[in-house]
């Protein structure tokens, strides 16, 4: 992963963005030698957010199973029929 100081971002934002769009490689921005932000391509960011939503849904489902908050097929059918009436 490429790393740039915040000063480079301030002075060469257009070039950094062009490089980012071409390479699709995230850029770590540092301030005073410490990580401060990541510069990501929009499509890559949106894909990452979508994947996180899926993983969060899976985690909620697994927690529901551990908590015993499940139902059989007939119970699910009855519940869904109430929604469609």
N, C-alpha and C. Protein backbone atom coordinates (compact mmCIF):
# COMPACT_ATOMS: atom_id res chain seq x y z
N UNK A 1 0.83 -1.17 0.00
CA UNK A 1 0.00 0.00 0.00
C UNK A 1 0.89 1.25 0.00
N UNK A 2 0.47 2.17 -0.78
CA UNK A 2 1.21 3.43 -0.89
C UNK A 2 0.92 4.32 0.32
N UNK A 3 1.94 5.03 0.80
CA UNK A 3 1.80 5.95 1.92
C UNK A 3 2.28 7.33 1.49
N UNK A 4 1.50 8.34 1.85
CA UNK A 4 1.86 9.72 1.53
C UNK A 4 1.60 10.60 2.75
N UNK A 5 2.39 11.64 2.89
CA UNK A 5 2.18 12.59 3.98
C UNK A 5 1.06 13.54 3.58
N UNK A 6 0.40 14.11 4.55
CA UNK A 6 -0.72 15.00 4.29
C UNK A 6 -0.31 16.20 3.45
N UNK A 7 0.92 16.64 3.56
CA UNK A 7 1.42 17.75 2.76
C UNK A 7 1.36 17.42 1.27
N UNK A 8 1.68 16.18 0.92
CA UNK A 8 1.61 15.75 -0.47
C UNK A 8 0.16 15.80 -0.95
N UNK A 9 -0.76 15.39 -0.11
CA UNK A 9 -2.17 15.44 -0.46
C UNK A 9 -2.59 16.89 -0.71
N UNK A 10 -2.16 17.78 0.14
CA UNK A 10 -2.51 19.19 -0.02
C UNK A 10 -1.95 19.78 -1.31
N UNK A 11 -0.74 19.43 -1.64
CA UNK A 11 -0.04 20.03 -2.79
C UNK A 11 -0.33 19.33 -4.11
N UNK A 12 -0.62 18.02 -4.04
CA UNK A 12 -0.75 17.24 -5.28
C UNK A 12 -2.03 16.40 -5.30
N UNK A 13 -3.10 16.96 -4.80
CA UNK A 13 -4.36 16.20 -4.71
C UNK A 13 -4.80 15.66 -6.06
N UNK A 14 -4.74 16.46 -7.10
CA UNK A 14 -5.18 16.03 -8.42
C UNK A 14 -4.35 14.85 -8.92
N UNK A 15 -3.04 14.91 -8.73
CA UNK A 15 -2.17 13.82 -9.16
C UNK A 15 -2.44 12.55 -8.35
N UNK A 16 -2.60 12.70 -7.03
CA UNK A 16 -2.88 11.54 -6.19
C UNK A 16 -4.19 10.88 -6.61
N UNK A 17 -5.20 11.69 -6.89
CA UNK A 17 -6.48 11.13 -7.32
C UNK A 17 -6.35 10.41 -8.66
N UNK A 18 -5.61 11.00 -9.58
CA UNK A 18 -5.39 10.35 -10.88
C UNK A 18 -4.68 9.01 -10.69
N UNK A 19 -3.65 9.00 -9.85
CA UNK A 19 -2.93 7.75 -9.57
C UNK A 19 -3.85 6.72 -8.94
N UNK A 20 -4.68 7.19 -8.01
CA UNK A 20 -5.61 6.30 -7.31
C UNK A 20 -6.59 5.66 -8.30
N UNK A 21 -7.16 6.46 -9.19
CA UNK A 21 -8.11 5.93 -10.16
C UNK A 21 -7.45 4.94 -11.12
N UNK A 22 -6.20 5.19 -11.43
CA UNK A 22 -5.48 4.30 -12.35
C UNK A 22 -5.08 2.99 -11.68
N UNK A 23 -4.51 3.08 -10.48
CA UNK A 23 -3.97 1.88 -9.82
C UNK A 23 -4.99 1.15 -8.96
N UNK A 24 -6.03 1.85 -8.51
CA UNK A 24 -7.04 1.29 -7.59
C UNK A 24 -6.44 0.89 -6.25
N UNK A 25 -5.22 1.31 -5.98
CA UNK A 25 -4.53 0.98 -4.73
C UNK A 25 -4.81 2.08 -3.70
N UNK A 26 -5.34 1.72 -2.51
CA UNK A 26 -5.57 2.73 -1.48
C UNK A 26 -4.28 3.44 -1.10
N UNK A 27 -4.42 4.67 -0.65
CA UNK A 27 -3.28 5.46 -0.22
C UNK A 27 -3.47 5.81 1.25
N UNK A 28 -2.49 5.47 2.07
CA UNK A 28 -2.52 5.82 3.48
C UNK A 28 -1.95 7.22 3.63
N UNK A 29 -2.72 8.12 4.24
CA UNK A 29 -2.27 9.49 4.48
C UNK A 29 -1.81 9.58 5.93
N UNK A 30 -0.62 10.13 6.12
CA UNK A 30 -0.08 10.27 7.48
C UNK A 30 0.06 11.74 7.85
N UNK A 31 -0.06 12.01 9.13
CA UNK A 31 0.19 13.33 9.70
C UNK A 31 1.16 13.15 10.85
N UNK A 32 2.23 13.89 10.83
CA UNK A 32 3.25 13.81 11.88
C UNK A 32 3.73 12.37 12.09
N UNK A 33 3.82 11.63 10.98
CA UNK A 33 4.32 10.27 11.03
C UNK A 33 3.32 9.23 11.48
N UNK A 34 2.09 9.65 11.75
CA UNK A 34 1.05 8.73 12.24
C UNK A 34 -0.04 8.56 11.18
N UNK A 35 -0.59 7.36 11.05
CA UNK A 35 -1.70 7.15 10.11
C UNK A 35 -2.85 8.09 10.44
N UNK A 36 -3.43 8.70 9.42
CA UNK A 36 -4.51 9.66 9.64
C UNK A 36 -5.77 9.30 8.86
N UNK A 37 -5.61 8.84 7.61
CA UNK A 37 -6.77 8.53 6.78
C UNK A 37 -6.34 7.64 5.62
N UNK A 38 -7.33 7.00 5.02
CA UNK A 38 -7.11 6.24 3.80
C UNK A 38 -7.83 6.95 2.67
N UNK A 39 -7.19 7.02 1.55
CA UNK A 39 -7.78 7.56 0.33
C UNK A 39 -8.11 6.36 -0.54
N UNK A 40 -9.42 6.17 -0.82
CA UNK A 40 -9.88 5.00 -1.57
C UNK A 40 -10.66 5.42 -2.80
N UNK A 41 -10.62 4.60 -3.82
CA UNK A 41 -11.46 4.78 -4.98
C UNK A 41 -12.92 4.59 -4.55
N UNK A 42 -13.83 5.37 -5.10
CA UNK A 42 -15.24 5.33 -4.71
C UNK A 42 -15.83 3.93 -4.90
N UNK A 43 -15.58 3.31 -6.03
CA UNK A 43 -16.14 1.98 -6.28
C UNK A 43 -15.62 0.96 -5.26
N UNK A 44 -14.34 1.04 -4.93
CA UNK A 44 -13.77 0.13 -3.93
C UNK A 44 -14.39 0.37 -2.56
N UNK A 45 -14.59 1.63 -2.20
CA UNK A 45 -15.21 1.96 -0.91
C UNK A 45 -16.63 1.41 -0.85
N UNK A 46 -17.42 1.63 -1.91
CA UNK A 46 -18.80 1.15 -1.93
C UNK A 46 -18.87 -0.37 -1.86
N UNK A 47 -17.95 -1.05 -2.54
CA UNK A 47 -17.89 -2.51 -2.46
C UNK A 47 -17.57 -2.96 -1.04
N UNK A 48 -16.65 -2.27 -0.40
CA UNK A 48 -16.27 -2.60 0.97
C UNK A 48 -17.46 -2.41 1.92
N UNK A 49 -18.21 -1.34 1.75
CA UNK A 49 -19.38 -1.08 2.59
C UNK A 49 -20.43 -2.17 2.38
N UNK A 50 -20.67 -2.55 1.13
CA UNK A 50 -21.64 -3.61 0.84
C UNK A 50 -21.21 -4.93 1.49
N UNK A 51 -19.94 -5.25 1.41
CA UNK A 51 -19.44 -6.49 2.03
C UNK A 51 -19.59 -6.45 3.54
N UNK A 52 -19.35 -5.29 4.14
CA UNK A 52 -19.50 -5.15 5.59
C UNK A 52 -20.95 -5.36 6.00
N UNK A 53 -21.90 -4.85 5.21
CA UNK A 53 -23.32 -5.05 5.52
C UNK A 53 -23.67 -6.54 5.49
N UNK A 54 -23.15 -7.25 4.50
CA UNK A 54 -23.41 -8.69 4.40
C UNK A 54 -22.82 -9.41 5.62
N UNK A 55 -21.59 -9.08 5.98
CA UNK A 55 -20.95 -9.72 7.13
C UNK A 55 -21.69 -9.40 8.43
N UNK A 56 -22.19 -8.16 8.57
CA UNK A 56 -22.96 -7.80 9.76
C UNK A 56 -24.26 -8.61 9.83
N UNK A 57 -24.90 -8.81 8.67
CA UNK A 57 -26.12 -9.62 8.63
C UNK A 57 -25.85 -11.06 9.03
N UNK A 58 -24.76 -11.61 8.54
CA UNK A 58 -24.38 -12.97 8.91
C UNK A 58 -24.11 -13.06 10.41
N UNK A 59 -23.40 -12.08 10.95
CA UNK A 59 -23.10 -12.07 12.39
C UNK A 59 -24.39 -11.99 13.21
N UNK A 60 -25.36 -11.18 12.78
CA UNK A 60 -26.64 -11.09 13.49
C UNK A 60 -27.37 -12.42 13.44
N UNK A 61 -27.33 -13.08 12.28
CA UNK A 61 -27.98 -14.38 12.16
C UNK A 61 -27.34 -15.43 13.06
N UNK A 62 -26.02 -15.41 13.11
CA UNK A 62 -25.32 -16.37 13.99
C UNK A 62 -25.64 -16.09 15.45
N UNK A 63 -25.75 -14.82 15.82
CA UNK A 63 -26.10 -14.47 17.21
C UNK A 63 -27.53 -14.91 17.52
N UNK A 64 -28.43 -14.75 16.57
CA UNK A 64 -29.81 -15.19 16.77
C UNK A 64 -29.86 -16.70 17.00
N UNK A 65 -29.06 -17.45 16.26
CA UNK A 65 -29.01 -18.90 16.46
C UNK A 65 -28.50 -19.22 17.85
N UNK A 66 -27.42 -18.54 18.27
CA UNK A 66 -26.87 -18.78 19.62
C UNK A 66 -27.89 -18.43 20.71
N UNK A 67 -28.70 -17.38 20.46
CA UNK A 67 -29.69 -16.94 21.45
C UNK A 67 -30.98 -17.74 21.39
N UNK A 68 -31.08 -18.66 20.42
CA UNK A 68 -32.29 -19.46 20.29
C UNK A 68 -33.44 -18.70 19.64
N UNK A 69 -33.15 -17.60 18.96
CA UNK A 69 -34.19 -16.82 18.29
C UNK A 69 -34.36 -17.30 16.86
N UNK A 70 -34.83 -18.53 16.73
CA UNK A 70 -35.04 -19.12 15.41
C UNK A 70 -36.47 -19.64 15.33
N UNK A 71 -36.90 -19.97 14.14
CA UNK A 71 -38.23 -20.55 13.95
C UNK A 71 -38.16 -21.59 12.85
N UNK A 72 -39.12 -22.49 12.89
CA UNK A 72 -39.15 -23.50 11.84
C UNK A 72 -39.86 -22.92 10.61
N UNK A 73 -39.91 -23.71 9.53
CA UNK A 73 -40.45 -23.23 8.26
C UNK A 73 -41.92 -22.81 8.39
N UNK A 74 -42.70 -23.59 9.12
CA UNK A 74 -44.13 -23.27 9.27
C UNK A 74 -44.32 -21.95 10.03
N UNK A 75 -43.54 -21.75 11.08
CA UNK A 75 -43.63 -20.49 11.83
C UNK A 75 -43.24 -19.30 10.93
N UNK A 76 -42.22 -19.50 10.13
CA UNK A 76 -41.77 -18.43 9.24
C UNK A 76 -42.85 -18.13 8.20
N UNK A 77 -43.49 -19.17 7.67
CA UNK A 77 -44.57 -18.98 6.68
C UNK A 77 -45.71 -18.18 7.28
N UNK A 78 -46.11 -18.54 8.51
CA UNK A 78 -47.20 -17.84 9.19
C UNK A 78 -46.85 -16.37 9.40
N UNK A 79 -45.65 -16.12 9.80
CA UNK A 79 -45.22 -14.74 10.04
C UNK A 79 -45.21 -13.94 8.74
N UNK A 80 -44.71 -14.53 7.68
CA UNK A 80 -44.66 -13.84 6.40
C UNK A 80 -46.06 -13.61 5.82
N UNK A 81 -46.96 -14.56 6.02
CA UNK A 81 -48.34 -14.38 5.55
C UNK A 81 -49.00 -13.18 6.21
N UNK A 82 -48.68 -12.91 7.45
CA UNK A 82 -49.23 -11.74 8.15
C UNK A 82 -48.73 -10.45 7.49
N UNK A 83 -47.49 -10.45 7.01
CA UNK A 83 -46.93 -9.26 6.37
C UNK A 83 -47.61 -8.95 5.05
N UNK A 84 -48.05 -10.01 4.33
CA UNK A 84 -48.60 -9.83 2.99
C UNK A 84 -50.13 -9.64 2.99
N UNK A 85 -50.73 -9.65 4.15
CA UNK A 85 -52.20 -9.46 4.21
C UNK A 85 -52.54 -8.01 4.38
